[in-house]
Amino acid sequence: MKIIMTICFMFIFISNLLMIISSLLSKKSNLDREKCSPFECGFDPKNLPRIPFSLHFFLITVIFLIFDVEIALIFPIIPTFSLTNKIIWFKMTSFFIIILLIGLYHEWNQKMLNWTY
């Protein structure tokens, strides 16, 4: 038992040591102003190098990820049909799908599913 605990402690210690060393060695110095600016043939940049962030696109992406995870949660419901009580299975599945539909209705009501903004 002591050998296993010693090996676990050594693994934790070595991994933490490597993470600390890598974070210390990977620090970039931003002391030079020219290295921080984008390359514009020696001229100061005329516009920002980044385009504005689209909050609407970000929210659509988050909605997609949420519904994607919910679909992944629905997949195991189908094989459990033959293993559980049918009434309890139907109630739980209906409750889960009703929650999904309420969330979808809320997003639709907030006009977050429209691509033109």
PDB file of N, CA and C in Angstrom:
ATOM      1  N   MET A   1       0.824  -1.195   0.000  1.00  0.00           N
ATOM      2  CA  MET A   1       0.000   0.000   0.000  1.00  0.00           C
ATOM      3  C   MET A   1       0.870   1.260   0.000  1.00  0.00           C
ATOM      4  N   LYS A   2       1.978   1.207   0.789  1.00  0.00           N
ATOM      5  CA  LYS A   2       2.863   2.368   0.840  1.00  0.00           C
ATOM      6  C   LYS A   2       3.535   2.605  -0.507  1.00  0.00           C
ATOM      7  N   ILE A   3       3.811   1.536  -1.219  1.00  0.00           N
ATOM      8  CA  ILE A   3       4.465   1.666  -2.523  1.00  0.00           C
ATOM      9  C   ILE A   3       3.531   2.358  -3.515  1.00  0.00           C
ATOM     10  N   ILE A   4       2.262   1.993  -3.495  1.00  0.00           N
ATOM     11  CA  ILE A   4       1.289   2.615  -4.403  1.00  0.00           C
ATOM     12  C   ILE A   4       1.123   4.092  -4.073  1.00  0.00           C
ATOM     13  N   MET A   5       1.038   4.412  -2.784  1.00  0.00           N
ATOM     14  CA  MET A   5       0.902   5.822  -2.394  1.00  0.00           C
ATOM     15  C   MET A   5       2.149   6.610  -2.763  1.00  0.00           C
ATOM     16  N   THR A   6       3.323   6.003  -2.610  1.00  0.00           N
ATOM     17  CA  THR A   6       4.573   6.676  -2.972  1.00  0.00           C
ATOM     18  C   THR A   6       4.630   6.926  -4.474  1.00  0.00           C
ATOM     19  N   ILE A   7       4.228   5.946  -5.256  1.00  0.00           N
ATOM     20  CA  ILE A   7       4.231   6.115  -6.719  1.00  0.00           C
ATOM     21  C   ILE A   7       3.228   7.182  -7.137  1.00  0.00           C
ATOM     22  N   CYS A   8       2.047   7.195  -6.539  1.00  0.00           N
ATOM     23  CA  CYS A   8       1.049   8.232  -6.853  1.00  0.00           C
ATOM     24  C   CYS A   8       1.571   9.613  -6.491  1.00  0.00           C
ATOM     25  N   PHE A   9       2.218   9.714  -5.311  1.00  0.00           N
ATOM     26  CA  PHE A   9       2.781  10.998  -4.904  1.00  0.00           C
ATOM     27  C   PHE A   9       3.867  11.443  -5.874  1.00  0.00           C
ATOM     28  N   MET A  10       4.695  10.516  -6.317  1.00  0.00           N
ATOM     29  CA  MET A  10       5.753  10.866  -7.265  1.00  0.00           C
ATOM     30  C   MET A  10       5.164  11.338  -8.594  1.00  0.00           C
ATOM     31  N   PHE A  11       4.111  10.658  -9.078  1.00  0.00           N
ATOM     32  CA  PHE A  11       3.478  11.081 -10.331  1.00  0.00           C
ATOM     33  C   PHE A  11       2.878  12.474 -10.194  1.00  0.00           C
ATOM     34  N   ILE A  12       2.207  12.725  -9.090  1.00  0.00           N
ATOM     35  CA  ILE A  12       1.604  14.049  -8.868  1.00  0.00           C
ATOM     36  C   ILE A  12       2.686  15.109  -8.760  1.00  0.00           C
ATOM     37  N   PHE A  13       3.741  14.818  -8.025  1.00  0.00           N
ATOM     38  CA  PHE A  13       4.829  15.777  -7.858  1.00  0.00           C
ATOM     39  C   PHE A  13       5.515  16.078  -9.184  1.00  0.00           C
ATOM     40  N   ILE A  14       5.820  15.034  -9.949  1.00  0.00           N
ATOM     41  CA  ILE A  14       6.508  15.227 -11.235  1.00  0.00           C
ATOM     42  C   ILE A  14       5.615  15.981 -12.218  1.00  0.00           C
ATOM     43  N   SER A  15       4.334  15.657 -12.266  1.00  0.00           N
ATOM     44  CA  SER A  15       3.455  16.363 -13.203  1.00  0.00           C
ATOM     45  C   SER A  15       3.299  17.831 -12.809  1.00  0.00           C
ATOM     46  N   ASN A  16       3.165  18.114 -11.521  1.00  0.00           N
ATOM     47  CA  ASN A  16       3.081  19.515 -11.089  1.00  0.00           C
ATOM     48  C   ASN A  16       4.377  20.258 -11.365  1.00  0.00           C
ATOM     49  N   LEU A  17       5.499  19.596 -11.134  1.00  0.00           N
ATOM     50  CA  LEU A  17       6.791  20.220 -11.408  1.00  0.00           C
ATOM     51  C   LEU A  17       6.935  20.547 -12.894  1.00  0.00           C
ATOM     52  N   LEU A  18       6.533  19.626 -13.773  1.00  0.00           N
ATOM     53  CA  LEU A  18       6.608  19.880 -15.210  1.00  0.00           C
ATOM     54  C   LEU A  18       5.672  21.014 -15.636  1.00  0.00           C
ATOM     55  N   MET A  19       4.487  21.088 -15.045  1.00  0.00           N
ATOM     56  CA  MET A  19       3.573  22.185 -15.389  1.00  0.00           C
ATOM     57  C   MET A  19       4.131  23.533 -14.949  1.00  0.00           C
ATOM     58  N   ILE A  20       4.743  23.587 -13.773  1.00  0.00           N
ATOM     59  CA  ILE A  20       5.329  24.847 -13.295  1.00  0.00           C
ATOM     60  C   ILE A  20       6.506  25.258 -14.171  1.00  0.00           C
ATOM     61  N   ILE A  21       7.363  24.317 -14.503  1.00  0.00           N
ATOM     62  CA  ILE A  21       8.523  24.626 -15.354  1.00  0.00           C
ATOM     63  C   ILE A  21       8.063  25.092 -16.740  1.00  0.00           C
ATOM     64  N   SER A  22       7.065  24.423 -17.310  1.00  0.00           N
ATOM     65  CA  SER A  22       6.606  24.822 -18.643  1.00  0.00           C
ATOM     66  C   SER A  22       5.940  26.190 -18.616  1.00  0.00           C
ATOM     67  N   SER A  23       5.211  26.513 -17.550  1.00  0.00           N
ATOM     68  CA  SER A  23       4.597  27.843 -17.495  1.00  0.00           C
ATOM     69  C   SER A  23       5.644  28.934 -17.304  1.00  0.00           C
ATOM     70  N   LEU A  24       6.724  28.633 -16.587  1.00  0.00           N
ATOM     71  CA  LEU A  24       7.782  29.632 -16.414  1.00  0.00           C
ATOM     72  C   LEU A  24       8.576  29.842 -17.700  1.00  0.00           C
ATOM     73  N   LEU A  25       8.806  28.780 -18.455  1.00  0.00           N
ATOM     74  CA  LEU A  25       9.602  28.895 -19.673  1.00  0.00           C
ATOM     75  C   LEU A  25       8.811  29.436 -20.862  1.00  0.00           C
ATOM     76  N   SER A  26       7.505  29.362 -20.820  1.00  0.00           N
ATOM     77  CA  SER A  26       6.710  29.773 -21.975  1.00  0.00           C
ATOM     78  C   SER A  26       6.246  31.223 -21.920  1.00  0.00           C
ATOM     79  N   LYS A  27       6.641  31.963 -20.928  1.00  0.00           N
ATOM     80  CA  LYS A  27       6.213  33.357 -20.816  1.00  0.00           C
ATOM     81  C   LYS A  27       6.877  34.191 -21.903  1.00  0.00           C
ATOM     82  N   LYS A  28       6.050  34.931 -22.630  1.00  0.00           N
ATOM     83  CA  LYS A  28       6.573  35.833 -23.652  1.00  0.00           C
ATOM     84  C   LYS A  28       6.740  37.215 -23.051  1.00  0.00           C
ATOM     85  N   SER A  29       7.766  37.887 -23.461  1.00  0.00           N
ATOM     86  CA  SER A  29       7.941  39.261 -22.988  1.00  0.00           C
ATOM     87  C   SER A  29       7.375  40.205 -24.045  1.00  0.00           C
ATOM     88  N   ASN A  30       6.521  41.087 -23.622  1.00  0.00           N
ATOM     89  CA  ASN A  30       5.898  42.056 -24.519  1.00  0.00           C
ATOM     90  C   ASN A  30       6.524  43.435 -24.325  1.00  0.00           C
ATOM     91  N   LEU A  31       7.838  43.462 -24.201  1.00  0.00           N
ATOM     92  CA  LEU A  31       8.509  44.728 -23.957  1.00  0.00           C
ATOM     93  C   LEU A  31       8.685  45.537 -25.235  1.00  0.00           C
ATOM     94  N   ASP A  32       8.732  44.892 -26.378  1.00  0.00           N
ATOM     95  CA  ASP A  32       8.963  45.576 -27.637  1.00  0.00           C
ATOM     96  C   ASP A  32       7.618  45.942 -28.281  1.00  0.00           C
ATOM     97  N   ARG A  33       7.416  47.236 -28.553  1.00  0.00           N
ATOM     98  CA  ARG A  33       6.155  47.709 -29.131  1.00  0.00           C
ATOM     99  C   ARG A  33       5.964  47.187 -30.550  1.00  0.00           C
ATOM    100  N   GLU A  34       7.028  47.053 -31.284  1.00  0.00           N
ATOM    101  CA  GLU A  34       6.940  46.608 -32.672  1.00  0.00           C
ATOM    102  C   GLU A  34       6.527  45.140 -32.770  1.00  0.00           C
ATOM    103  N   LYS A  35       6.922  44.343 -31.804  1.00  0.00           N
ATOM    104  CA  LYS A  35       6.544  42.936 -31.837  1.00  0.00           C
ATOM    105  C   LYS A  35       5.062  42.738 -31.502  1.00  0.00           C
ATOM    106  N   CYS A  36       4.478  43.697 -30.796  1.00  0.00           N
ATOM    107  CA  CYS A  36       3.068  43.587 -30.423  1.00  0.00           C
ATOM    108  C   CYS A  36       2.135  44.032 -31.549  1.00  0.00           C
ATOM    109  N   SER A  37       2.629  44.843 -32.481  1.00  0.00           N
ATOM    110  CA  SER A  37       1.768  45.363 -33.541  1.00  0.00           C
ATOM    111  C   SER A  37       1.828  44.441 -34.759  1.00  0.00           C
ATOM    112  N   PRO A  38       0.743  44.404 -35.543  1.00  0.00           N
ATOM    113  CA  PRO A  38       0.764  43.578 -36.759  1.00  0.00           C
ATOM    114  C   PRO A  38       1.705  44.181 -37.803  1.00  0.00           C
ATOM    115  N   PHE A  39       2.174  43.360 -38.720  1.00  0.00           N
ATOM    116  CA  PHE A  39       3.119  43.804 -39.734  1.00  0.00           C
ATOM    117  C   PHE A  39       2.413  44.641 -40.798  1.00  0.00           C
ATOM    118  N   GLU A  40       2.814  45.903 -40.929  1.00  0.00           N
ATOM    119  CA  GLU A  40       2.225  46.802 -41.921  1.00  0.00           C
ATOM    120  C   GLU A  40       3.330  47.550 -42.669  1.00  0.00           C
ATOM    121  N   CYS A  41       4.425  46.876 -42.972  1.00  0.00           N
ATOM    122  CA  CYS A  41       5.542  47.452 -43.727  1.00  0.00           C
ATOM    123  C   CYS A  41       6.123  48.680 -43.045  1.00  0.00           C
ATOM    124  N   GLY A  42       6.165  48.674 -41.720  1.00  0.00           N
ATOM    125  CA  GLY A  42       6.769  49.767 -40.988  1.00  0.00           C
ATOM    126  C   GLY A  42       5.818  50.897 -40.661  1.00  0.00           C
ATOM    127  N   PHE A  43       4.604  50.872 -41.186  1.00  0.00           N
ATOM    128  CA  PHE A  43       3.637  51.921 -40.907  1.00  0.00           C
ATOM    129  C   PHE A  43       2.755  51.512 -39.725  1.00  0.00           C
ATOM    130  N   ASP A  44       2.163  52.488 -39.079  1.00  0.00           N
ATOM    131  CA  ASP A  44       1.195  52.190 -38.036  1.00  0.00           C
ATOM    132  C   ASP A  44      -0.057  51.617 -38.679  1.00  0.00           C
ATOM    133  N   PRO A  45      -0.698  50.658 -38.058  1.00  0.00           N
ATOM    134  CA  PRO A  45      -1.898  50.069 -38.661  1.00  0.00           C
ATOM    135  C   PRO A  45      -3.031  51.088 -38.766  1.00  0.00           C
ATOM    136  N   LYS A  46      -3.762  51.033 -39.880  1.00  0.00           N
ATOM    137  CA  LYS A  46      -4.851  51.985 -40.109  1.00  0.00           C
ATOM    138  C   LYS A  46      -6.164  51.526 -39.489  1.00  0.00           C
ATOM    139  N   ASN A  47      -6.325  50.237 -39.319  1.00  0.00           N
ATOM    140  CA  ASN A  47      -7.547  49.735 -38.696  1.00  0.00           C
ATOM    141  C   ASN A  47      -7.194  48.598 -37.751  1.00  0.00           C
ATOM    142  N   LEU A  48      -8.170  48.155 -36.990  1.00  0.00           N
ATOM    143  CA  LEU A  48      -7.934  47.077 -36.039  1.00  0.00           C
ATOM    144  C   LEU A  48      -7.703  45.761 -36.783  1.00  0.00           C
ATOM    145  N   PRO A  49      -6.788  44.944 -36.309  1.00  0.00           N
ATOM    146  CA  PRO A  49      -6.511  43.692 -37.006  1.00  0.00           C
ATOM    147  C   PRO A  49      -7.605  42.643 -36.823  1.00  0.00           C
ATOM    148  N   ARG A  50      -8.502  42.845 -35.903  1.00  0.00           N
ATOM    149  CA  ARG A  50      -9.563  41.876 -35.647  1.00  0.00           C
ATOM    150  C   ARG A  50     -10.914  42.456 -36.049  1.00  0.00           C
ATOM    151  N   ILE A  51     -11.786  41.590 -36.519  1.00  0.00           N
ATOM    152  CA  ILE A  51     -13.134  42.022 -36.840  1.00  0.00           C
ATOM    153  C   ILE A  51     -13.951  42.046 -35.557  1.00  0.00           C
ATOM    154  N   PRO A  52     -15.033  42.820 -35.509  1.00  0.00           N
ATOM    155  CA  PRO A  52     -15.841  42.866 -34.290  1.00  0.00           C
ATOM    156  C   PRO A  52     -16.457  41.503 -33.977  1.00  0.00           C
ATOM    157  N   PHE A  53     -16.602  41.227 -32.699  1.00  0.00           N
ATOM    158  CA  PHE A  53     -17.134  39.950 -32.246  1.00  0.00           C
ATOM    159  C   PHE A  53     -18.648  39.951 -32.396  1.00  0.00           C
ATOM    160  N   SER A  54     -19.169  38.904 -33.026  1.00  0.00           N
ATOM    161  CA  SER A  54     -20.603  38.789 -33.235  1.00  0.00           C
ATOM    162  C   SER A  54     -21.221  38.016 -32.075  1.00  0.00           C
ATOM    163  N   LEU A  55     -21.923  38.728 -31.203  1.00  0.00           N
ATOM    164  CA  LEU A  55     -22.561  38.094 -30.058  1.00  0.00           C
ATOM    165  C   LEU A  55     -23.689  37.172 -30.504  1.00  0.00           C
ATOM    166  N   HIS A  56     -24.398  37.541 -31.564  1.00  0.00           N
ATOM    167  CA  HIS A  56     -25.495  36.719 -32.060  1.00  0.00           C
ATOM    168  C   HIS A  56     -24.972  35.369 -32.559  1.00  0.00           C
ATOM    169  N   PHE A  57     -23.871  35.388 -33.292  1.00  0.00           N
ATOM    170  CA  PHE A  57     -23.280  34.132 -33.768  1.00  0.00           C
ATOM    171  C   PHE A  57     -22.806  33.280 -32.598  1.00  0.00           C
ATOM    172  N   PHE A  58     -22.245  33.908 -31.580  1.00  0.00           N
ATOM    173  CA  PHE A  58     -21.801  33.175 -30.392  1.00  0.00           C
ATOM    174  C   PHE A  58     -22.988  32.511 -29.695  1.00  0.00           C
ATOM    175  N   LEU A  59     -24.108  33.211 -29.560  1.00  0.00           N
ATOM    176  CA  LEU A  59     -25.281  32.636 -28.909  1.00  0.00           C
ATOM    177  C   LEU A  59     -25.860  31.481 -29.717  1.00  0.00           C
ATOM    178  N   ILE A  60     -25.858  31.597 -31.032  1.00  0.00           N
ATOM    179  CA  ILE A  60     -26.328  30.484 -31.867  1.00  0.00           C
ATOM    180  C   ILE A  60     -25.410  29.280 -31.686  1.00  0.00           C
ATOM    181  N   THR A  61     -24.118  29.516 -31.570  1.00  0.00           N
ATOM    182  CA  THR A  61     -23.171  28.429 -31.341  1.00  0.00           C
ATOM    183  C   THR A  61     -23.423  27.752 -29.996  1.00  0.00           C
ATOM    184  N   VAL A  62     -23.670  28.546 -28.969  1.00  0.00           N
ATOM    185  CA  VAL A  62     -23.950  27.984 -27.646  1.00  0.00           C
ATOM    186  C   VAL A  62     -25.244  27.175 -27.676  1.00  0.00           C
ATOM    187  N   ILE A  63     -26.265  27.687 -28.356  1.00  0.00           N
ATOM    188  CA  ILE A  63     -27.531  26.955 -28.474  1.00  0.00           C
ATOM    189  C   ILE A  63     -27.296  25.631 -29.190  1.00  0.00           C
ATOM    190  N   PHE A  64     -26.505  25.649 -30.253  1.00  0.00           N
ATOM    191  CA  PHE A  64     -26.197  24.416 -30.969  1.00  0.00           C
ATOM    192  C   PHE A  64     -25.505  23.406 -30.055  1.00  0.00           C
ATOM    193  N   LEU A  65     -24.529  23.866 -29.280  1.00  0.00           N
ATOM    194  CA  LEU A  65     -23.817  22.960 -28.387  1.00  0.00           C
ATOM    195  C   LEU A  65     -24.736  22.388 -27.316  1.00  0.00           C
ATOM    196  N   ILE A  66     -25.628  23.213 -26.787  1.00  0.00           N
ATOM    197  CA  ILE A  66     -26.560  22.731 -25.765  1.00  0.00           C
ATOM    198  C   ILE A  66     -27.461  21.654 -26.342  1.00  0.00           C
ATOM    199  N   PHE A  67     -28.046  21.903 -27.510  1.00  0.00           N
ATOM    200  CA  PHE A  67     -28.926  20.912 -28.098  1.00  0.00           C
ATOM    201  C   PHE A  67     -28.153  19.680 -28.581  1.00  0.00           C
ATOM    202  N   ASP A  68     -26.891  19.854 -28.942  1.00  0.00           N
ATOM    203  CA  ASP A  68     -26.073  18.713 -29.334  1.00  0.00           C
ATOM    204  C   ASP A  68     -25.827  17.800 -28.136  1.00  0.00           C
ATOM    205  N   VAL A  69     -25.537  18.370 -26.983  1.00  0.00           N
ATOM    206  CA  VAL A  69     -25.347  17.578 -25.769  1.00  0.00           C
ATOM    207  C   VAL A  69     -26.655  16.910 -25.366  1.00  0.00           C
ATOM    208  N   GLU A  70     -27.767  17.600 -25.546  1.00  0.00           N
ATOM    209  CA  GLU A  70     -29.057  17.010 -25.186  1.00  0.00           C
ATOM    210  C   GLU A  70     -29.396  15.832 -26.094  1.00  0.00           C
ATOM    211  N   ILE A  71     -29.029  15.914 -27.358  1.00  0.00           N
ATOM    212  CA  ILE A  71     -29.230  14.770 -28.262  1.00  0.00           C
ATOM    213  C   ILE A  71     -28.377  13.594 -27.792  1.00  0.00           C
ATOM    214  N   ALA A  72     -27.150  13.882 -27.359  1.00  0.00           N
ATOM    215  CA  ALA A  72     -26.298  12.812 -26.840  1.00  0.00           C
ATOM    216  C   ALA A  72     -26.888  12.205 -25.566  1.00  0.00           C
ATOM    217  N   LEU A  73     -27.646  12.977 -24.809  1.00  0.00           N
ATOM    218  CA  LEU A  73     -28.315  12.432 -23.620  1.00  0.00           C
ATOM    219  C   LEU A  73     -29.556  11.626 -23.977  1.00  0.00           C
ATOM    220  N   ILE A  74     -30.145  11.895 -25.122  1.00  0.00           N
ATOM    221  CA  ILE A  74     -31.340  11.151 -25.538  1.00  0.00           C
ATOM    222  C   ILE A  74     -30.964   9.760 -26.050  1.00  0.00           C
ATOM    223  N   PHE A  75     -29.810   9.596 -26.664  1.00  0.00           N
ATOM    224  CA  PHE A  75     -29.428   8.296 -27.237  1.00  0.00           C
ATOM    225  C   PHE A  75     -29.495   7.135 -26.244  1.00  0.00           C
ATOM    226  N   PRO A  76     -29.022   7.276 -24.996  1.00  0.00           N
ATOM    227  CA  PRO A  76     -29.116   6.122 -24.081  1.00  0.00           C
ATOM    228  C   PRO A  76     -30.540   5.819 -23.607  1.00  0.00           C
ATOM    229  N   ILE A  77     -31.475   6.693 -23.854  1.00  0.00           N
ATOM    230  CA  ILE A  77     -32.853   6.446 -23.425  1.00  0.00           C
ATOM    231  C   ILE A  77     -33.451   5.279 -24.217  1.00  0.00           C
ATOM    232  N   ILE A  78     -33.115   5.161 -25.487  1.00  0.00           N
ATOM    233  CA  ILE A  78     -33.721   4.143 -26.345  1.00  0.00           C
ATOM    234  C   ILE A  78     -33.363   2.719 -25.898  1.00  0.00           C
ATOM    235  N   PRO A  79     -32.097   2.374 -25.628  1.00  0.00           N
ATOM    236  CA  PRO A  79     -31.809   0.995 -25.205  1.00  0.00           C
ATOM    237  C   PRO A  79     -32.370   0.636 -23.823  1.00  0.00           C
ATOM    238  N   THR A  80     -32.637   1.640 -22.983  1.00  0.00           N
ATOM    239  CA  THR A  80     -33.154   1.343 -21.650  1.00  0.00           C
ATOM    240  C   THR A  80     -34.645   1.043 -21.662  1.00  0.00           C
ATOM    241  N   PHE A  81     -35.285   1.146 -22.811  1.00  0.00           N
ATOM    242  CA  PHE A  81     -36.721   0.901 -22.889  1.00  0.00           C
ATOM    243  C   PHE A  81     -37.074  -0.512 -22.451  1.00  0.00           C
ATOM    244  N   SER A  82     -36.294  -1.497 -22.872  1.00  0.00           N
ATOM    245  CA  SER A  82     -36.610  -2.883 -22.542  1.00  0.00           C
ATOM    246  C   SER A  82     -36.148  -3.278 -21.140  1.00  0.00           C
ATOM    247  N   LEU A  83     -35.349  -2.432 -20.476  1.00  0.00           N
ATOM    248  CA  LEU A  83     -34.790  -2.787 -19.172  1.00  0.00           C
ATOM    249  C   LEU A  83     -35.555  -2.208 -17.993  1.00  0.00           C
ATOM    250  N   THR A  84     -36.406  -1.210 -18.238  1.00  0.00           N
ATOM    251  CA  THR A  84     -37.064  -0.519 -17.127  1.00  0.00           C
ATOM    252  C   THR A  84     -38.573  -0.655 -17.220  1.00  0.00           C
ATOM    253  N   ASN A  85     -39.210  -0.110 -16.200  1.00  0.00           N
ATOM    254  CA  ASN A  85     -40.662  -0.052 -16.175  1.00  0.00           C
ATOM    255  C   ASN A  85     -41.125   0.918 -17.261  1.00  0.00           C
ATOM    256  N   LYS A  86     -42.099   0.494 -18.053  1.00  0.00           N
ATOM    257  CA  LYS A  86     -42.525   1.285 -19.213  1.00  0.00           C
ATOM    258  C   LYS A  86     -43.156   2.610 -18.806  1.00  0.00           C
ATOM    259  N   ILE A  87     -43.918   2.624 -17.736  1.00  0.00           N
ATOM    260  CA  ILE A  87     -44.586   3.858 -17.312  1.00  0.00           C
ATOM    261  C   ILE A  87     -43.569   4.872 -16.801  1.00  0.00           C
ATOM    262  N   ILE A  88     -42.623   4.426 -15.988  1.00  0.00           N
ATOM    263  CA  ILE A  88     -41.581   5.330 -15.479  1.00  0.00           C
ATOM    264  C   ILE A  88     -40.707   5.816 -16.633  1.00  0.00           C
ATOM    265  N   TRP A  89     -40.381   4.908 -17.554  1.00  0.00           N
ATOM    266  CA  TRP A  89     -39.568   5.295 -18.708  1.00  0.00           C
ATOM    267  C   TRP A  89     -40.283   6.355 -19.533  1.00  0.00           C
ATOM    268  N   PHE A  90     -41.582   6.162 -19.781  1.00  0.00           N
ATOM    269  CA  PHE A  90     -42.345   7.114 -20.577  1.00  0.00           C
ATOM    270  C   PHE A  90     -42.443   8.463 -19.873  1.00  0.00           C
ATOM    271  N   LYS A  91     -42.645   8.468 -18.546  1.00  0.00           N
ATOM    272  CA  LYS A  91     -42.735   9.739 -17.805  1.00  0.00           C
ATOM    273  C   LYS A  91     -41.410  10.490 -17.839  1.00  0.00           C
ATOM    274  N   MET A  92     -40.315   9.788 -17.618  1.00  0.00           N
ATOM    275  CA  MET A  92     -39.010  10.454 -17.611  1.00  0.00           C
ATOM    276  C   MET A  92     -38.637  10.975 -18.990  1.00  0.00           C
ATOM    277  N   THR A  93     -38.897  10.171 -20.015  1.00  0.00           N
ATOM    278  CA  THR A  93     -38.581  10.587 -21.377  1.00  0.00           C
ATOM    279  C   THR A  93     -39.450  11.773 -21.790  1.00  0.00           C
ATOM    280  N   SER A  94     -40.726  11.718 -21.457  1.00  0.00           N
ATOM    281  CA  SER A  94     -41.626  12.830 -21.792  1.00  0.00           C
ATOM    282  C   SER A  94     -41.212  14.102 -21.070  1.00  0.00           C
ATOM    283  N   PHE A  95     -40.856  13.986 -19.792  1.00  0.00           N
ATOM    284  CA  PHE A  95     -40.421  15.153 -19.020  1.00  0.00           C
ATOM    285  C   PHE A  95     -39.172  15.766 -19.637  1.00  0.00           C
ATOM    286  N   PHE A  96     -38.201  14.931 -20.022  1.00  0.00           N
ATOM    287  CA  PHE A  96     -36.963  15.435 -20.621  1.00  0.00           C
ATOM    288  C   PHE A  96     -37.240  16.124 -21.955  1.00  0.00           C
ATOM    289  N   ILE A  97     -38.069  15.530 -22.789  1.00  0.00           N
ATOM    290  CA  ILE A  97     -38.371  16.118 -24.093  1.00  0.00           C
ATOM    291  C   ILE A  97     -39.201  17.387 -23.944  1.00  0.00           C
ATOM    292  N   ILE A  98     -40.091  17.441 -22.956  1.00  0.00           N
ATOM    293  CA  ILE A  98     -40.866  18.666 -22.715  1.00  0.00           C
ATOM    294  C   ILE A  98     -39.944  19.795 -22.292  1.00  0.00           C
ATOM    295  N   ILE A  99     -38.953  19.509 -21.451  1.00  0.00           N
ATOM    296  CA  ILE A  99     -37.975  20.542 -21.067  1.00  0.00           C
ATOM    297  C   ILE A  99     -37.219  21.038 -22.292  1.00  0.00           C
ATOM    298  N   LEU A 100     -36.826  20.129 -23.188  1.00  0.00           N
ATOM    299  CA  LEU A 100     -36.141  20.534 -24.420  1.00  0.00           C
ATOM    300  C   LEU A 100     -37.035  21.415 -25.281  1.00  0.00           C
ATOM    301  N   LEU A 101     -38.294  21.047 -25.399  1.00  0.00           N
ATOM    302  CA  LEU A 101     -39.213  21.830 -26.230  1.00  0.00           C
ATOM    303  C   LEU A 101     -39.493  23.204 -25.624  1.00  0.00           C
ATOM    304  N   ILE A 102     -39.571  23.276 -24.305  1.00  0.00           N
ATOM    305  CA  ILE A 102     -39.751  24.580 -23.655  1.00  0.00           C
ATOM    306  C   ILE A 102     -38.539  25.463 -23.910  1.00  0.00           C
ATOM    307  N   GLY A 103     -37.329  24.887 -23.825  1.00  0.00           N
ATOM    308  CA  GLY A 103     -36.114  25.653 -24.124  1.00  0.00           C
ATOM    309  C   GLY A 103     -36.075  26.112 -25.568  1.00  0.00           C
ATOM    310  N   LEU A 104     -36.491  25.238 -26.479  1.00  0.00           N
ATOM    311  CA  LEU A 104     -36.534  25.602 -27.893  1.00  0.00           C
ATOM    312  C   LEU A 104     -37.554  26.709 -28.143  1.00  0.00           C
ATOM    313  N   TYR A 105     -38.723  26.612 -27.510  1.00  0.00           N
ATOM    314  CA  TYR A 105     -39.739  27.656 -27.650  1.00  0.00           C
ATOM    315  C   TYR A 105     -39.233  28.987 -27.107  1.00  0.00           C
ATOM    316  N   HIS A 106     -38.523  28.945 -25.980  1.00  0.00           N
ATOM    317  CA  HIS A 106     -37.981  30.183 -25.401  1.00  0.00           C
ATOM    318  C   HIS A 106     -36.967  30.831 -26.343  1.00  0.00           C
ATOM    319  N   GLU A 107     -36.093  30.018 -26.924  1.00  0.00           N
ATOM    320  CA  GLU A 107     -35.123  30.574 -27.866  1.00  0.00           C
ATOM    321  C   GLU A 107     -35.814  31.112 -29.110  1.00  0.00           C
ATOM    322  N   TRP A 108     -36.835  30.434 -29.574  1.00  0.00           N
ATOM    323  CA  TRP A 108     -37.583  30.895 -30.730  1.00  0.00           C
ATOM    324  C   TRP A 108     -38.327  32.188 -30.405  1.00  0.00           C
ATOM    325  N   ASN A 109     -38.893  32.283 -29.205  1.00  0.00           N
ATOM    326  CA  ASN A 109     -39.627  33.471 -28.769  1.00  0.00           C
ATOM    327  C   ASN A 109     -38.684  34.671 -28.629  1.00  0.00           C
ATOM    328  N   GLN A 110     -37.443  34.440 -28.230  1.00  0.00           N
ATOM    329  CA  GLN A 110     -36.452  35.511 -28.095  1.00  0.00           C
ATOM    330  C   GLN A 110     -35.820  35.881 -29.437  1.00  0.00           C
ATOM    331  N   LYS A 111     -36.238  35.186 -30.515  1.00  0.00           N
ATOM    332  CA  LYS A 111     -35.742  35.411 -31.875  1.00  0.00           C
ATOM    333  C   LYS A 111     -34.225  35.168 -31.974  1.00  0.00           C
ATOM    334  N   MET A 112     -33.754  34.161 -31.237  1.00  0.00           N
ATOM    335  CA  MET A 112     -32.338  33.816 -31.296  1.00  0.00           C
ATOM    336  C   MET A 112     -32.044  32.815 -32.401  1.00  0.00           C
ATOM    337  N   LEU A 113     -33.049  32.242 -33.003  1.00  0.00           N
ATOM    338  CA  LEU A 113     -32.839  31.259 -34.065  1.00  0.00           C
ATOM    339  C   LEU A 113     -32.841  31.891 -35.450  1.00  0.00           C
ATOM    340  N   ASN A 114     -33.061  33.183 -35.549  1.00  0.00           N
ATOM    341  CA  ASN A 114     -33.035  33.872 -36.842  1.00  0.00           C
ATOM    342  C   ASN A 114     -31.588  34.131 -37.232  1.00  0.00           C
ATOM    343  N   TRP A 115     -31.247  33.795 -38.485  1.00  0.00           N
ATOM    344  CA  TRP A 115     -29.889  34.023 -38.949  1.00  0.00           C
ATOM    345  C   TRP A 115     -29.640  35.469 -39.322  1.00  0.00           C
ATOM    346  N   THR A 116     -30.652  36.158 -39.777  1.00  0.00           N
ATOM    347  CA  THR A 116     -30.468  37.575 -40.101  1.00  0.00           C
ATOM    348  C   THR A 116     -30.719  38.376 -38.858  1.00  0.00           C
ATOM    349  N   TYR A 117     -29.753  39.195 -38.514  1.00  0.00           N
ATOM    350  CA  TYR A 117     -29.845  39.954 -37.274  1.00  0.00           C
ATOM    351  C   TYR A 117     -29.759  41.423 -37.546  1.00  0.00           C
TER     352      TYR A 117
END
